[in-house]
Amino acid sequence: MKTPESSQSVGSRRNLYCSLVAALALPLSAIAAESDWSIGTYAGKYYDTEPAGFTQGRANYLEHYLVAVTAKKTLWQSATLPLSLELDGMLGLQNGVATLGEVAVAPALRWSGFPWNNTVHTSFSAAPFGISYTTSVSPLELGKDGKGSRFLNWLFLEVALSRPQDKSTEVFMRLHHRCSVYDLLNNYGANGEDFVAFGVRRRF
């Protein structure tokens, strides 16, 4: 038959637990203070050309959409240039022609040295190589033989704007692109998927 624990034993265990939590909280709070994180959300519409086609004004749109949440972590900041290396991840839902989930991660270079930054703070990010996974093969990514892949390269180009006096909140436009890197990953012959998206991000 079990006997109830004494109040002294319960109190000692509680004090030990609180001490451990406090000991862990100190280094974790220091790490959080030094971190440069951001969290945001964006939504976009599918278009049928690669990013170069969008910039040249020859994109055709379909009723297929992407809604996503994104998180960034600054890995490196140049001491002499307005250049940084970030790790960007996203979790999204596509809906329209088909419904499927997408998760992706990629390193990105961000340049923020623009002459008009005292008026509108601007940065440009490019992530040419990443990895993207979809929960099913999108019908928009099938090649002529009907084959496609859940795993593809993830590429994005992004322009972000914020107020010079408060850069903690920024709005951005992103070209979100999945591809086989000119058939290096597979030879199914499909372009992948492209979305032009707009979003908002909060840095902390």
N, C-alpha and C. Protein backbone atom coordinates (compact mmCIF):
# COMPACT_ATOMS: atom_id res chain seq x y z
N MET A 1 0.84 -1.20 0.00
CA MET A 1 0.00 0.00 0.00
C MET A 1 0.88 1.25 0.00
N LYS A 2 0.60 2.17 -0.95
CA LYS A 2 1.41 3.39 -1.07
C LYS A 2 1.05 4.37 0.01
N THR A 3 2.07 5.01 0.54
CA THR A 3 1.86 6.05 1.56
C THR A 3 2.02 7.40 0.91
N PRO A 4 1.25 8.40 1.33
CA PRO A 4 1.37 9.74 0.73
C PRO A 4 2.71 10.34 1.05
N GLU A 5 3.25 11.07 0.07
CA GLU A 5 4.54 11.73 0.27
C GLU A 5 4.40 12.84 1.29
N SER A 6 5.46 13.06 2.05
CA SER A 6 5.44 14.14 3.03
C SER A 6 5.49 15.48 2.32
N SER A 7 4.97 16.50 2.98
CA SER A 7 4.97 17.84 2.39
C SER A 7 6.39 18.33 2.19
N GLN A 8 7.31 17.88 3.05
CA GLN A 8 8.71 18.30 2.91
C GLN A 8 9.32 17.72 1.65
N SER A 9 8.99 16.44 1.33
CA SER A 9 9.49 15.80 0.12
C SER A 9 8.95 16.47 -1.14
N VAL A 10 7.64 16.76 -1.11
CA VAL A 10 7.03 17.43 -2.25
C VAL A 10 7.63 18.81 -2.45
N GLY A 11 7.86 19.52 -1.33
CA GLY A 11 8.44 20.85 -1.43
C GLY A 11 9.84 20.83 -1.96
N SER A 12 10.65 19.85 -1.56
CA SER A 12 12.02 19.73 -2.04
C SER A 12 12.04 19.46 -3.54
N ARG A 13 11.12 18.58 -3.97
CA ARG A 13 11.07 18.26 -5.41
C ARG A 13 10.66 19.47 -6.22
N ARG A 14 9.72 20.25 -5.69
CA ARG A 14 9.27 21.45 -6.39
C ARG A 14 10.40 22.47 -6.50
N ASN A 15 11.16 22.64 -5.41
CA ASN A 15 12.28 23.58 -5.42
C ASN A 15 13.36 23.17 -6.42
N LEU A 16 13.61 21.84 -6.50
CA LEU A 16 14.60 21.34 -7.44
C LEU A 16 14.15 21.60 -8.88
N TYR A 17 12.86 21.35 -9.13
CA TYR A 17 12.30 21.58 -10.47
C TYR A 17 12.41 23.05 -10.87
N CYS A 18 12.05 23.94 -9.96
CA CYS A 18 12.12 25.38 -10.24
C CYS A 18 13.55 25.83 -10.50
N SER A 19 14.50 25.25 -9.75
CA SER A 19 15.91 25.59 -9.95
C SER A 19 16.40 25.17 -11.32
N LEU A 20 15.98 23.97 -11.76
CA LEU A 20 16.38 23.48 -13.08
C LEU A 20 15.79 24.35 -14.18
N VAL A 21 14.52 24.72 -14.05
CA VAL A 21 13.88 25.58 -15.05
C VAL A 21 14.59 26.92 -15.14
N ALA A 22 14.93 27.50 -13.97
CA ALA A 22 15.63 28.78 -13.96
C ALA A 22 17.00 28.68 -14.59
N ALA A 23 17.70 27.57 -14.32
CA ALA A 23 19.04 27.38 -14.89
C ALA A 23 18.99 27.25 -16.40
N LEU A 24 17.94 26.59 -16.91
CA LEU A 24 17.79 26.45 -18.36
C LEU A 24 17.31 27.74 -19.00
N ALA A 25 16.50 28.49 -18.29
CA ALA A 25 15.91 29.69 -18.86
C ALA A 25 16.95 30.76 -19.11
N LEU A 26 17.98 30.84 -18.29
CA LEU A 26 19.00 31.89 -18.44
C LEU A 26 19.73 31.78 -19.77
N PRO A 27 20.31 30.61 -20.14
CA PRO A 27 20.97 30.55 -21.44
C PRO A 27 20.00 30.64 -22.60
N LEU A 28 18.78 30.12 -22.44
CA LEU A 28 17.81 30.21 -23.52
C LEU A 28 17.41 31.65 -23.78
N SER A 29 17.25 32.45 -22.73
CA SER A 29 16.90 33.85 -22.91
C SER A 29 18.04 34.62 -23.55
N ALA A 30 19.28 34.24 -23.23
CA ALA A 30 20.44 34.90 -23.84
C ALA A 30 20.50 34.59 -25.33
N ILE A 31 20.21 33.32 -25.68
CA ILE A 31 20.19 32.95 -27.10
C ILE A 31 19.11 33.71 -27.83
N ALA A 32 17.91 33.81 -27.23
CA ALA A 32 16.82 34.51 -27.89
C ALA A 32 17.15 35.98 -28.10
N ALA A 33 17.87 36.58 -27.12
CA ALA A 33 18.21 37.99 -27.24
C ALA A 33 19.19 38.23 -28.38
N GLU A 34 20.05 37.24 -28.67
CA GLU A 34 21.04 37.40 -29.71
C GLU A 34 20.51 37.00 -31.08
N SER A 35 19.36 36.35 -31.12
CA SER A 35 18.84 35.83 -32.38
C SER A 35 18.23 36.93 -33.22
N ASP A 36 18.26 36.71 -34.52
CA ASP A 36 17.60 37.61 -35.46
C ASP A 36 16.60 36.77 -36.25
N TRP A 37 15.41 36.65 -35.71
CA TRP A 37 14.36 35.83 -36.29
C TRP A 37 13.29 36.71 -36.92
N SER A 38 12.52 36.13 -37.81
CA SER A 38 11.31 36.78 -38.32
C SER A 38 10.29 35.71 -38.66
N ILE A 39 9.04 36.06 -38.49
CA ILE A 39 7.92 35.19 -38.83
C ILE A 39 6.94 36.00 -39.66
N GLY A 40 6.40 35.37 -40.70
CA GLY A 40 5.46 36.08 -41.55
C GLY A 40 4.51 35.15 -42.26
N THR A 41 3.69 35.73 -43.11
CA THR A 41 2.75 34.96 -43.89
C THR A 41 2.65 35.58 -45.28
N TYR A 42 2.37 34.77 -46.27
CA TYR A 42 2.18 35.30 -47.62
C TYR A 42 1.19 34.44 -48.40
N ALA A 43 0.63 35.05 -49.43
CA ALA A 43 -0.34 34.37 -50.29
C ALA A 43 -0.07 34.76 -51.73
N GLY A 44 -0.27 33.81 -52.64
CA GLY A 44 0.02 34.10 -54.04
C GLY A 44 -0.80 33.29 -55.01
N LYS A 45 -0.66 33.63 -56.28
CA LYS A 45 -1.40 32.98 -57.36
C LYS A 45 -0.43 32.35 -58.35
N TYR A 46 -0.82 31.21 -58.86
CA TYR A 46 0.02 30.44 -59.79
C TYR A 46 0.10 31.13 -61.15
N TYR A 47 1.31 31.12 -61.72
CA TYR A 47 1.48 31.55 -63.11
C TYR A 47 2.35 30.52 -63.82
N ASP A 48 2.27 30.51 -65.14
CA ASP A 48 2.75 29.35 -65.90
C ASP A 48 4.13 29.53 -66.54
N THR A 49 4.94 30.44 -66.04
CA THR A 49 6.29 30.59 -66.58
C THR A 49 7.28 30.60 -65.43
N GLU A 50 8.56 30.46 -65.74
CA GLU A 50 9.60 30.56 -64.74
C GLU A 50 9.69 32.02 -64.27
N PRO A 51 10.44 32.29 -63.16
CA PRO A 51 10.55 33.68 -62.69
C PRO A 51 10.97 34.67 -63.76
N ALA A 52 11.83 34.25 -64.68
CA ALA A 52 12.25 35.16 -65.75
C ALA A 52 11.06 35.57 -66.61
N GLY A 53 10.13 34.64 -66.82
CA GLY A 53 8.95 34.97 -67.61
C GLY A 53 8.08 36.00 -66.94
N PHE A 54 7.98 35.94 -65.62
CA PHE A 54 7.20 36.93 -64.89
C PHE A 54 7.83 38.31 -65.03
N THR A 55 9.15 38.40 -64.86
CA THR A 55 9.82 39.69 -64.94
C THR A 55 9.75 40.29 -66.34
N GLN A 56 9.52 39.44 -67.35
CA GLN A 56 9.43 39.92 -68.72
C GLN A 56 7.99 40.17 -69.15
N GLY A 57 7.05 40.01 -68.22
CA GLY A 57 5.65 40.32 -68.50
C GLY A 57 4.93 39.31 -69.36
N ARG A 58 5.35 38.06 -69.37
CA ARG A 58 4.67 37.05 -70.18
C ARG A 58 4.15 35.89 -69.33
N ALA A 59 3.59 36.23 -68.18
CA ALA A 59 3.03 35.21 -67.29
C ALA A 59 1.53 35.12 -67.46
N ASN A 60 1.02 33.89 -67.52
CA ASN A 60 -0.41 33.64 -67.58
C ASN A 60 -0.83 32.97 -66.26
N TYR A 61 -1.94 33.43 -65.69
CA TYR A 61 -2.34 32.99 -64.36
C TYR A 61 -3.45 31.95 -64.43
N LEU A 62 -3.45 31.05 -63.44
CA LEU A 62 -4.50 30.05 -63.28
C LEU A 62 -5.15 30.24 -61.92
N GLU A 63 -6.33 29.67 -61.75
CA GLU A 63 -7.03 29.76 -60.47
C GLU A 63 -6.48 28.70 -59.51
N HIS A 64 -5.24 28.90 -59.15
CA HIS A 64 -4.56 28.00 -58.22
C HIS A 64 -3.74 28.88 -57.28
N TYR A 65 -3.86 28.65 -55.96
CA TYR A 65 -3.35 29.60 -54.98
C TYR A 65 -2.46 28.92 -53.94
N LEU A 66 -1.62 29.73 -53.33
CA LEU A 66 -0.74 29.28 -52.26
C LEU A 66 -0.89 30.23 -51.08
N VAL A 67 -1.10 29.67 -49.90
CA VAL A 67 -1.09 30.41 -48.64
C VAL A 67 -0.02 29.78 -47.77
N ALA A 68 0.87 30.59 -47.18
CA ALA A 68 2.01 30.02 -46.47
C ALA A 68 2.38 30.85 -45.25
N VAL A 69 3.03 30.20 -44.31
CA VAL A 69 3.72 30.88 -43.21
C VAL A 69 5.21 30.68 -43.44
N THR A 70 6.00 31.68 -43.05
CA THR A 70 7.43 31.62 -43.30
C THR A 70 8.19 32.08 -42.06
N ALA A 71 9.36 31.52 -41.87
CA ALA A 71 10.23 31.92 -40.77
C ALA A 71 11.64 32.06 -41.31
N LYS A 72 12.35 33.09 -40.82
CA LYS A 72 13.73 33.34 -41.23
C LYS A 72 14.64 33.43 -40.01
N LYS A 73 15.88 33.02 -40.19
CA LYS A 73 16.90 33.17 -39.16
C LYS A 73 18.17 33.69 -39.84
N THR A 74 18.71 34.79 -39.34
CA THR A 74 19.96 35.32 -39.87
C THR A 74 21.12 34.47 -39.36
N LEU A 75 21.88 33.90 -40.29
CA LEU A 75 23.01 33.05 -39.94
C LEU A 75 24.32 33.82 -39.92
N TRP A 76 24.40 34.88 -40.74
CA TRP A 76 25.65 35.65 -40.86
C TRP A 76 25.32 37.04 -41.35
N GLN A 77 26.04 38.02 -40.82
CA GLN A 77 25.90 39.41 -41.22
C GLN A 77 27.28 39.99 -41.48
N SER A 78 27.49 40.54 -42.68
CA SER A 78 28.77 41.13 -43.00
C SER A 78 29.04 42.34 -42.11
N ALA A 79 30.28 42.48 -41.68
CA ALA A 79 30.67 43.61 -40.85
C ALA A 79 30.90 44.87 -41.66
N THR A 80 31.07 44.74 -42.97
CA THR A 80 31.40 45.90 -43.80
C THR A 80 30.40 46.17 -44.91
N LEU A 81 29.55 45.19 -45.24
CA LEU A 81 28.60 45.34 -46.34
C LEU A 81 27.17 45.12 -45.85
N PRO A 82 26.18 45.71 -46.53
CA PRO A 82 24.77 45.46 -46.16
C PRO A 82 24.31 44.11 -46.73
N LEU A 83 25.00 43.07 -46.36
CA LEU A 83 24.77 41.73 -46.90
C LEU A 83 24.66 40.74 -45.75
N SER A 84 23.68 39.84 -45.84
CA SER A 84 23.50 38.83 -44.81
C SER A 84 23.10 37.51 -45.44
N LEU A 85 23.34 36.45 -44.70
CA LEU A 85 22.93 35.10 -45.11
C LEU A 85 21.84 34.65 -44.15
N GLU A 86 20.71 34.22 -44.70
CA GLU A 86 19.57 33.80 -43.89
C GLU A 86 19.15 32.38 -44.25
N LEU A 87 18.52 31.73 -43.31
CA LEU A 87 17.88 30.44 -43.57
C LEU A 87 16.38 30.67 -43.55
N ASP A 88 15.71 30.34 -44.65
CA ASP A 88 14.29 30.61 -44.81
C ASP A 88 13.53 29.28 -44.91
N GLY A 89 12.46 29.17 -44.16
CA GLY A 89 11.60 27.99 -44.24
C GLY A 89 10.16 28.40 -44.42
N MET A 90 9.39 27.56 -45.09
CA MET A 90 7.98 27.86 -45.29
C MET A 90 7.13 26.60 -45.15
N LEU A 91 5.89 26.80 -44.76
CA LEU A 91 4.90 25.73 -44.69
C LEU A 91 3.64 26.28 -45.33
N GLY A 92 3.19 25.63 -46.42
CA GLY A 92 2.10 26.21 -47.18
C GLY A 92 1.04 25.22 -47.59
N LEU A 93 -0.06 25.78 -48.07
CA LEU A 93 -1.18 25.00 -48.58
C LEU A 93 -1.55 25.53 -49.95
N GLN A 94 -1.55 24.64 -50.95
CA GLN A 94 -1.98 24.99 -52.29
C GLN A 94 -3.42 24.53 -52.49
N ASN A 95 -4.20 25.35 -53.21
CA ASN A 95 -5.60 25.02 -53.44
C ASN A 95 -6.06 25.63 -54.75
N GLY A 96 -6.93 24.91 -55.45
CA GLY A 96 -7.46 25.39 -56.72
C GLY A 96 -7.58 24.24 -57.69
N VAL A 97 -6.56 24.08 -58.54
CA VAL A 97 -6.53 22.95 -59.45
C VAL A 97 -6.42 21.64 -58.66
N ALA A 98 -5.70 21.68 -57.56
CA ALA A 98 -5.57 20.55 -56.64
C ALA A 98 -5.30 21.10 -55.25
N THR A 99 -5.47 20.25 -54.26
CA THR A 99 -5.19 20.65 -52.88
C THR A 99 -4.03 19.81 -52.36
N LEU A 100 -2.96 20.48 -51.93
CA LEU A 100 -1.79 19.78 -51.42
C LEU A 100 -1.01 20.70 -50.51
N GLY A 101 -0.24 20.11 -49.61
CA GLY A 101 0.62 20.87 -48.73
C GLY A 101 2.03 20.96 -49.30
N GLU A 102 2.76 21.96 -48.84
CA GLU A 102 4.14 22.14 -49.26
C GLU A 102 4.98 22.60 -48.09
N VAL A 103 6.18 22.05 -47.97
CA VAL A 103 7.15 22.51 -46.98
C VAL A 103 8.48 22.68 -47.70
N ALA A 104 9.20 23.76 -47.38
CA ALA A 104 10.44 24.06 -48.10
C ALA A 104 11.41 24.80 -47.19
N VAL A 105 12.69 24.67 -47.51
CA VAL A 105 13.73 25.38 -46.77
C VAL A 105 14.87 25.70 -47.72
N ALA A 106 15.50 26.88 -47.54
CA ALA A 106 16.59 27.28 -48.42
C ALA A 106 17.42 28.37 -47.76
N PRO A 107 18.74 28.38 -48.00
CA PRO A 107 19.56 29.52 -47.60
C PRO A 107 19.37 30.66 -48.59
N ALA A 108 19.38 31.89 -48.11
CA ALA A 108 19.15 33.05 -48.97
C ALA A 108 20.11 34.17 -48.63
N LEU A 109 20.60 34.85 -49.66
CA LEU A 109 21.41 36.06 -49.48
C LEU A 109 20.50 37.28 -49.55
N ARG A 110 20.67 38.19 -48.59
CA ARG A 110 19.86 39.41 -48.56
C ARG A 110 20.78 40.62 -48.68
N TRP A 111 20.46 41.49 -49.64
CA TRP A 111 21.20 42.74 -49.85
C TRP A 111 20.28 43.90 -49.51
N SER A 112 20.77 44.81 -48.67
CA SER A 112 19.93 45.95 -48.25
C SER A 112 20.62 47.29 -48.46
N GLY A 113 21.57 47.36 -49.38
CA GLY A 113 22.28 48.61 -49.63
C GLY A 113 21.71 49.39 -50.79
N PHE A 114 20.59 50.06 -50.58
CA PHE A 114 19.96 50.85 -51.64
C PHE A 114 19.98 52.33 -51.26
N PRO A 115 20.20 53.22 -52.24
CA PRO A 115 20.39 54.64 -51.93
C PRO A 115 19.15 55.35 -51.39
N TRP A 116 17.97 54.77 -51.59
CA TRP A 116 16.74 55.42 -51.13
C TRP A 116 16.26 54.87 -49.78
N ASN A 117 17.12 54.17 -49.06
CA ASN A 117 16.70 53.53 -47.81
C ASN A 117 16.26 54.51 -46.73
N ASN A 118 16.68 55.77 -46.82
CA ASN A 118 16.21 56.75 -45.84
C ASN A 118 14.74 57.11 -46.06
N THR A 119 14.22 56.80 -47.25
CA THR A 119 12.81 57.05 -47.54
C THR A 119 11.98 55.79 -47.35
N VAL A 120 12.38 54.71 -48.02
CA VAL A 120 11.76 53.38 -47.86
C VAL A 120 12.89 52.36 -47.76
N HIS A 121 12.99 51.73 -46.63
CA HIS A 121 14.05 50.73 -46.48
C HIS A 121 13.72 49.51 -47.32
N THR A 122 14.66 49.13 -48.19
CA THR A 122 14.43 48.08 -49.17
C THR A 122 15.52 47.03 -49.07
N SER A 123 15.11 45.79 -49.23
CA SER A 123 16.09 44.71 -49.31
C SER A 123 15.66 43.73 -50.39
N PHE A 124 16.66 43.06 -50.97
CA PHE A 124 16.41 42.07 -52.00
C PHE A 124 17.04 40.76 -51.57
N SER A 125 16.27 39.68 -51.62
CA SER A 125 16.74 38.36 -51.22
C SER A 125 16.66 37.41 -52.40
N ALA A 126 17.65 36.52 -52.49
CA ALA A 126 17.67 35.50 -53.54
C ALA A 126 18.10 34.18 -52.92
N ALA A 127 17.32 33.15 -53.20
CA ALA A 127 17.62 31.79 -52.74
C ALA A 127 17.56 30.87 -53.96
N PRO A 128 18.68 30.63 -54.63
CA PRO A 128 18.64 29.83 -55.86
C PRO A 128 18.52 28.33 -55.63
N PHE A 129 18.96 27.85 -54.47
CA PHE A 129 18.96 26.41 -54.23
C PHE A 129 18.40 26.09 -52.85
N GLY A 130 17.34 25.29 -52.85
CA GLY A 130 16.73 24.81 -51.62
C GLY A 130 16.04 23.49 -51.90
N ILE A 131 15.24 23.05 -50.97
CA ILE A 131 14.50 21.81 -51.16
C ILE A 131 13.04 22.05 -50.83
N SER A 132 12.16 21.55 -51.69
CA SER A 132 10.72 21.67 -51.50
C SER A 132 10.08 20.30 -51.61
N TYR A 133 9.12 20.04 -50.72
CA TYR A 133 8.40 18.76 -50.72
C TYR A 133 6.91 19.06 -50.68
N THR A 134 6.15 18.39 -51.54
CA THR A 134 4.69 18.50 -51.54
C THR A 134 4.08 17.18 -51.10
N THR A 135 2.92 17.25 -50.47
CA THR A 135 2.28 16.05 -49.94
C THR A 135 1.75 15.13 -51.04
N SER A 136 1.60 15.64 -52.24
CA SER A 136 1.25 14.83 -53.40
C SER A 136 1.82 15.51 -54.64
N VAL A 137 1.91 14.76 -55.72
CA VAL A 137 2.42 15.34 -56.97
C VAL A 137 1.36 16.25 -57.57
N SER A 138 1.70 17.50 -57.78
CA SER A 138 0.74 18.44 -58.35
C SER A 138 0.48 18.13 -59.81
N PRO A 139 -0.78 18.17 -60.25
CA PRO A 139 -1.07 17.99 -61.68
C PRO A 139 -0.46 19.07 -62.56
N LEU A 140 -0.07 20.19 -61.95
CA LEU A 140 0.57 21.27 -62.70
C LEU A 140 2.06 21.01 -62.91
N GLU A 141 2.59 19.94 -62.32
CA GLU A 141 4.01 19.63 -62.44
C GLU A 141 4.26 18.33 -63.20
N LEU A 142 3.26 17.81 -63.86
CA LEU A 142 3.44 16.56 -64.60
C LEU A 142 4.08 16.82 -65.96
N GLY A 143 5.03 15.96 -66.34
CA GLY A 143 5.63 16.04 -67.66
C GLY A 143 4.74 15.39 -68.72
N LYS A 144 5.25 15.29 -69.93
CA LYS A 144 4.46 14.73 -71.03
C LYS A 144 4.10 13.26 -70.80
N ASP A 145 4.93 12.54 -70.07
CA ASP A 145 4.65 11.13 -69.80
C ASP A 145 3.81 10.94 -68.54
N GLY A 146 3.33 12.04 -67.95
CA GLY A 146 2.47 11.96 -66.78
C GLY A 146 3.19 11.77 -65.47
N LYS A 147 4.51 11.90 -65.45
CA LYS A 147 5.28 11.71 -64.23
C LYS A 147 5.62 13.06 -63.60
N GLY A 148 5.79 13.03 -62.28
CA GLY A 148 6.18 14.21 -61.54
C GLY A 148 6.85 13.82 -60.24
N SER A 149 7.31 14.78 -59.48
CA SER A 149 8.04 14.49 -58.26
C SER A 149 7.56 15.38 -57.11
N ARG A 150 7.49 14.78 -55.92
CA ARG A 150 7.18 15.57 -54.73
C ARG A 150 8.37 16.43 -54.31
N PHE A 151 9.58 15.92 -54.46
CA PHE A 151 10.79 16.65 -54.09
C PHE A 151 11.33 17.41 -55.30
N LEU A 152 11.49 18.72 -55.15
CA LEU A 152 12.06 19.54 -56.20
C LEU A 152 12.91 20.64 -55.55
N ASN A 153 13.67 21.33 -56.39
CA ASN A 153 14.43 22.49 -55.91
C ASN A 153 13.47 23.63 -55.59
N TRP A 154 13.79 24.38 -54.55
CA TRP A 154 13.01 25.57 -54.20
C TRP A 154 13.85 26.81 -54.43
N LEU A 155 13.34 27.71 -55.22
CA LEU A 155 13.99 28.98 -55.54
C LEU A 155 13.01 30.09 -55.22
N PHE A 156 13.51 31.17 -54.62
CA PHE A 156 12.65 32.34 -54.49
C PHE A 156 13.46 33.62 -54.65
N LEU A 157 12.79 34.63 -55.15
CA LEU A 157 13.30 35.99 -55.25
C LEU A 157 12.33 36.88 -54.48
N GLU A 158 12.87 37.82 -53.71
CA GLU A 158 11.99 38.60 -52.83
C GLU A 158 12.47 40.03 -52.71
N VAL A 159 11.53 40.95 -52.72
CA VAL A 159 11.77 42.36 -52.41
C VAL A 159 10.95 42.71 -51.18
N ALA A 160 11.61 43.26 -50.15
CA ALA A 160 10.93 43.59 -48.90
C ALA A 160 11.07 45.08 -48.63
N LEU A 161 10.00 45.69 -48.10
CA LEU A 161 9.96 47.12 -47.81
C LEU A 161 9.54 47.33 -46.36
N SER A 162 10.14 48.35 -45.74
CA SER A 162 9.77 48.71 -44.37
C SER A 162 10.03 50.19 -44.15
N ARG A 163 9.54 50.71 -43.04
CA ARG A 163 9.81 52.10 -42.69
C ARG A 163 11.23 52.22 -42.15
N PRO A 164 11.97 53.25 -42.56
CA PRO A 164 13.36 53.39 -42.08
C PRO A 164 13.47 53.49 -40.57
N GLN A 165 12.49 54.12 -39.92
CA GLN A 165 12.54 54.31 -38.47
C GLN A 165 12.09 53.07 -37.70
N ASP A 166 11.49 52.10 -38.39
CA ASP A 166 11.04 50.88 -37.72
C ASP A 166 11.06 49.73 -38.73
N LYS A 167 12.17 49.00 -38.78
CA LYS A 167 12.33 47.92 -39.75
C LYS A 167 11.85 46.57 -39.21
N SER A 168 11.19 46.59 -38.06
CA SER A 168 10.75 45.33 -37.46
C SER A 168 9.57 44.72 -38.21
N THR A 169 8.80 45.55 -38.90
CA THR A 169 7.68 45.04 -39.71
C THR A 169 7.92 45.41 -41.16
N GLU A 170 7.83 44.41 -42.04
CA GLU A 170 8.05 44.68 -43.45
C GLU A 170 7.02 43.94 -44.30
N VAL A 171 6.70 44.54 -45.44
CA VAL A 171 5.87 43.89 -46.44
C VAL A 171 6.79 43.42 -47.57
N PHE A 172 6.40 42.36 -48.25
CA PHE A 172 7.29 41.83 -49.27
C PHE A 172 6.51 41.21 -50.42
N MET A 173 7.19 41.16 -51.55
CA MET A 173 6.71 40.46 -52.75
C MET A 173 7.69 39.33 -53.02
N ARG A 174 7.18 38.14 -53.26
CA ARG A 174 8.05 36.98 -53.46
C ARG A 174 7.62 36.20 -54.70
N LEU A 175 8.62 35.80 -55.50
CA LEU A 175 8.42 34.84 -56.58
C LEU A 175 8.84 33.48 -56.05
N HIS A 176 7.88 32.60 -55.89
CA HIS A 176 8.05 31.28 -55.28
C HIS A 176 8.08 30.24 -56.40
N HIS A 177 9.18 29.51 -56.50
CA HIS A 177 9.41 28.65 -57.67
C HIS A 177 9.90 27.27 -57.27
N ARG A 178 9.27 26.22 -57.82
CA ARG A 178 9.72 24.85 -57.70
C ARG A 178 10.17 24.36 -59.07
N CYS A 179 11.30 23.64 -59.11
CA CYS A 179 11.80 23.19 -60.41
C CYS A 179 12.75 22.02 -60.23
N SER A 180 13.11 21.40 -61.35
CA SER A 180 14.07 20.29 -61.35
C SER A 180 15.49 20.76 -61.69
N VAL A 181 15.72 22.07 -61.66
CA VAL A 181 17.03 22.67 -62.00
C VAL A 181 17.47 22.20 -63.39
N TYR A 182 16.65 22.52 -64.37
CA TYR A 182 16.94 22.17 -65.78
C TYR A 182 17.27 20.68 -65.91
N ASP A 183 16.36 19.86 -65.32
CA ASP A 183 16.41 18.40 -65.43
C ASP A 183 17.58 17.75 -64.69
N LEU A 184 18.22 18.48 -63.77
CA LEU A 184 19.28 17.87 -62.97
C LEU A 184 18.71 16.91 -61.93
N LEU A 185 17.51 17.20 -61.40
CA LEU A 185 16.90 16.34 -60.39
C LEU A 185 16.09 15.21 -61.01
N ASN A 186 15.48 15.46 -62.14
CA ASN A 186 14.76 14.43 -62.90
C ASN A 186 14.59 14.92 -64.32
N ASN A 187 14.14 14.05 -65.19
CA ASN A 187 13.96 14.43 -66.60
C ASN A 187 12.51 14.27 -67.03
N TYR A 188 11.58 14.63 -66.12
CA TYR A 188 10.16 14.50 -66.44
C TYR A 188 9.69 15.58 -67.41
N GLY A 189 10.46 16.66 -67.54
CA GLY A 189 10.13 17.68 -68.52
C GLY A 189 9.11 18.71 -68.06
N ALA A 190 8.81 18.76 -66.77
CA ALA A 190 7.85 19.74 -66.26
C ALA A 190 8.60 20.95 -65.70
N ASN A 191 7.99 22.11 -65.84
CA ASN A 191 8.61 23.33 -65.32
C ASN A 191 8.61 23.36 -63.81
N GLY A 192 7.63 22.78 -63.18
CA GLY A 192 7.44 22.94 -61.75
C GLY A 192 6.28 23.89 -61.50
N GLU A 193 6.33 24.60 -60.40
CA GLU A 193 5.26 25.55 -60.08
C GLU A 193 5.85 26.91 -59.76
N ASP A 194 5.08 27.95 -60.08
CA ASP A 194 5.49 29.32 -59.82
C ASP A 194 4.31 30.10 -59.25
N PHE A 195 4.59 30.90 -58.22
CA PHE A 195 3.57 31.75 -57.63
C PHE A 195 4.15 33.15 -57.44
N VAL A 196 3.34 34.15 -57.73
CA VAL A 196 3.70 35.52 -57.35
C VAL A 196 2.89 35.82 -56.11
N ALA A 197 3.59 36.19 -55.02
CA ALA A 197 2.96 36.27 -53.71
C ALA A 197 3.30 37.59 -53.02
N PHE A 198 2.42 37.99 -52.11
CA PHE A 198 2.61 39.18 -51.30
C PHE A 198 2.40 38.80 -49.84
N GLY A 199 3.21 39.39 -48.96
CA GLY A 199 3.10 39.02 -47.56
C GLY A 199 3.57 40.10 -46.61
N VAL A 200 3.51 39.78 -45.34
CA VAL A 200 3.94 40.68 -44.28
C VAL A 200 4.75 39.85 -43.28
N ARG A 201 5.77 40.48 -42.69
CA ARG A 201 6.71 39.77 -41.82
C ARG A 201 7.02 40.64 -40.61
N ARG A 202 7.21 39.98 -39.47
CA ARG A 202 7.58 40.67 -38.24
C ARG A 202 8.92 40.14 -37.75
N ARG A 203 9.88 41.03 -37.54
CA ARG A 203 11.21 40.65 -37.06
C ARG A 203 11.28 40.82 -35.54
N PHE A 204 12.03 39.92 -34.90
CA PHE A 204 12.22 40.04 -33.45
C PHE A 204 13.54 39.41 -33.04
